[in-house]
């Protein structure tokens, strides 16, 4: 292959790789809570929109006999804010007056927050999470 053709081919491969990186911009997978190394997501993911920007994901996980509340602050939000407040908890539908598995960070720069283990696995639950006071809930899981 001649030098000009090789340069064009190399450029085409580089452009294709960049396009794949843009298309495959899937959200990062969550770590695991410190109290359980094997969890799986249950219910839906709720995306929080703050001031018109998609800013965070709220999820519910199950593992080790407990439910866990989880929130992840997206990079685009972190890049445009110097700090934020996070709050997540599990709602037990048979006892909705109490918050279970609470996690809270004020004035933080952390990207993710796991709530404490919630002993609600035998109940119908959902998770609610807040980023700077804007909140949203996942679907109900029984």
Protein backbone atom coordinates (compact mmCIF):
# COMPACT_ATOMS: atom_id res chain seq x y z
CA UNK A 1 0.00 0.00 0.00
CA UNK A 2 1.35 3.42 -0.88
CA UNK A 3 2.13 5.97 1.82
CA UNK A 4 -0.84 8.30 1.05
CA UNK A 5 -3.27 5.34 1.02
CA UNK A 6 -1.83 4.05 4.31
CA UNK A 7 -2.29 7.50 5.90
CA UNK A 8 -5.90 7.64 4.72
CA UNK A 9 -6.55 4.09 5.96
CA UNK A 10 -4.96 4.87 9.34
CA UNK A 11 -7.04 8.04 9.65
CA UNK A 12 -10.21 6.13 8.78
CA UNK A 13 -9.50 3.54 11.49
CA UNK A 14 -8.85 6.30 14.04
CA UNK A 15 -12.10 8.07 13.12
CA UNK A 16 -14.06 4.83 13.33
CA UNK A 17 -12.62 4.13 16.79
CA UNK A 18 -13.56 7.63 17.94
CA UNK A 19 -17.10 7.18 16.61
CA UNK A 20 -17.47 3.90 18.52
CA UNK A 21 -16.29 5.62 21.71
CA UNK A 22 -18.97 8.29 21.25
CA UNK A 23 -21.73 5.79 20.50
CA UNK A 24 -20.76 3.52 23.39
CA UNK A 25 -21.05 6.22 26.06
CA UNK A 26 -22.92 3.92 28.45
CA UNK A 27 -23.07 4.86 32.14
CA UNK A 28 -20.38 3.45 34.36
CA UNK A 29 -21.19 0.32 36.29
CA UNK A 30 -21.65 0.81 40.00
CA UNK A 31 -19.07 -0.40 42.45
CA UNK A 32 -20.39 -2.55 45.28
CA UNK A 33 -21.34 -1.51 48.81
CA UNK A 34 -18.68 -2.12 51.43
CA UNK A 35 -20.92 -4.58 53.29
CA UNK A 36 -21.68 -6.86 50.30
CA UNK A 37 -19.47 -7.73 47.35
CA UNK A 38 -22.20 -9.26 45.18
CA UNK A 39 -25.28 -7.18 44.37
CA UNK A 40 -27.63 -6.97 41.40
CA UNK A 41 -29.89 -4.16 40.31
CA UNK A 42 -33.62 -4.59 40.88
CA UNK A 43 -36.25 -2.28 39.47
CA UNK A 44 -35.69 0.60 37.10
CA UNK A 45 -33.04 3.30 36.97
CA UNK A 46 -34.28 6.82 37.63
CA UNK A 47 -32.39 9.66 35.95
CA UNK A 48 -32.39 12.97 37.83
CA UNK A 49 -32.47 16.15 35.79
CA UNK A 50 -31.12 19.18 37.67
CA UNK A 51 -31.44 22.65 36.12
CA UNK A 52 -32.13 21.10 32.71
CA UNK A 53 -29.09 18.78 32.82
CA UNK A 54 -29.28 15.01 33.17
CA UNK A 55 -27.19 14.79 36.29
CA UNK A 56 -27.50 11.54 38.24
CA UNK A 57 -28.80 7.96 38.32
CA UNK A 58 -30.75 6.46 41.23
CA UNK A 59 -30.92 2.67 41.53
CA UNK A 60 -31.97 -0.09 43.91
CA UNK A 61 -29.79 -3.13 44.41
CA UNK A 62 -30.25 -6.44 46.20
CA UNK A 63 -27.50 -8.62 47.68
CA UNK A 64 -26.48 -10.51 50.81
CA UNK A 65 -30.11 -10.51 52.00
CA UNK A 66 -30.49 -6.70 51.94
CA UNK A 67 -31.69 -3.91 49.68
CA UNK A 68 -29.38 -1.00 48.91
CA UNK A 69 -30.05 2.53 47.72
CA UNK A 70 -27.53 3.98 45.27
CA UNK A 71 -26.93 7.29 43.50
CA UNK A 72 -24.30 8.14 40.91
CA UNK A 73 -23.53 11.72 39.83
CA UNK A 74 -22.77 11.94 36.12
CA UNK A 75 -19.50 13.39 34.88
CA UNK A 76 -21.16 16.27 33.02
CA UNK A 77 -22.66 17.48 36.29
CA UNK A 78 -19.47 16.95 38.26
CA UNK A 79 -17.52 18.95 35.66
CA UNK A 80 -19.78 21.98 36.06
CA UNK A 81 -20.23 22.03 39.84
CA UNK A 82 -17.72 22.35 42.64
CA UNK A 83 -19.70 20.28 45.18
CA UNK A 84 -23.16 18.84 45.83
CA UNK A 85 -25.40 17.19 48.41
CA UNK A 86 -26.51 13.55 48.06
CA UNK A 87 -29.21 11.61 49.88
CA UNK A 88 -30.58 8.12 49.15
CA UNK A 89 -32.87 5.74 51.00
CA UNK A 90 -35.08 2.70 50.60
CA UNK A 91 -38.84 3.09 50.99
CA UNK A 92 -40.67 0.10 52.50
CA UNK A 93 -44.23 0.27 51.12
CA UNK A 94 -45.69 -1.34 54.24
CA UNK A 95 -43.93 1.25 56.47
CA UNK A 96 -43.51 4.34 54.31
CA UNK A 97 -43.12 6.65 57.30
CA UNK A 98 -39.52 5.56 57.83
CA UNK A 99 -36.41 5.78 55.67
CA UNK A 100 -34.36 2.58 55.47
CA UNK A 101 -30.79 2.14 54.30
CA UNK A 102 -30.03 5.84 54.39
CA UNK A 103 -26.93 7.32 52.80
CA UNK A 104 -26.10 11.02 53.00
CA UNK A 105 -23.21 13.24 51.95
CA UNK A 106 -23.30 17.02 52.17
CA UNK A 107 -20.95 19.38 50.34
CA UNK A 108 -19.15 16.50 48.66
CA UNK A 109 -17.34 15.87 45.39
CA UNK A 110 -17.84 12.09 45.46
CA UNK A 111 -19.43 10.60 42.36
CA UNK A 112 -21.35 7.81 44.06
CA UNK A 113 -23.08 7.01 47.31
CA UNK A 114 -24.38 3.71 48.67
CA UNK A 115 -26.96 3.66 51.42
CA UNK A 116 -26.64 1.36 54.42
CA UNK A 117 -27.98 -2.20 54.12
CA UNK A 118 -31.78 -2.09 54.45
CA UNK A 119 -33.47 -5.13 55.99
CA UNK A 120 -36.40 -4.84 53.58
CA UNK A 121 -35.77 -7.70 51.15
CA UNK A 122 -39.08 -9.40 52.02
CA UNK A 123 -41.07 -6.19 51.47
CA UNK A 124 -42.24 -4.15 48.48
CA UNK A 125 -39.72 -1.32 48.12
CA UNK A 126 -38.37 1.42 45.92
CA UNK A 127 -35.42 3.80 46.27
CA UNK A 128 -35.55 7.57 46.31
CA UNK A 129 -32.45 9.66 45.73
CA UNK A 130 -31.70 13.37 45.79
CA UNK A 131 -28.99 15.50 44.22
CA UNK A 132 -28.98 19.03 45.63
CA UNK A 133 -32.62 18.68 46.64
CA UNK A 134 -33.88 17.36 43.29
CA UNK A 135 -35.21 13.87 43.77
CA UNK A 136 -36.66 10.90 41.99
CA UNK A 137 -37.65 7.31 42.68
CA UNK A 138 -37.08 3.93 41.09
CA UNK A 139 -39.91 1.52 40.34
CA UNK A 140 -41.64 -0.54 43.04
CA UNK A 141 -40.18 -4.04 43.48
CA UNK A 142 -41.88 -6.81 45.44
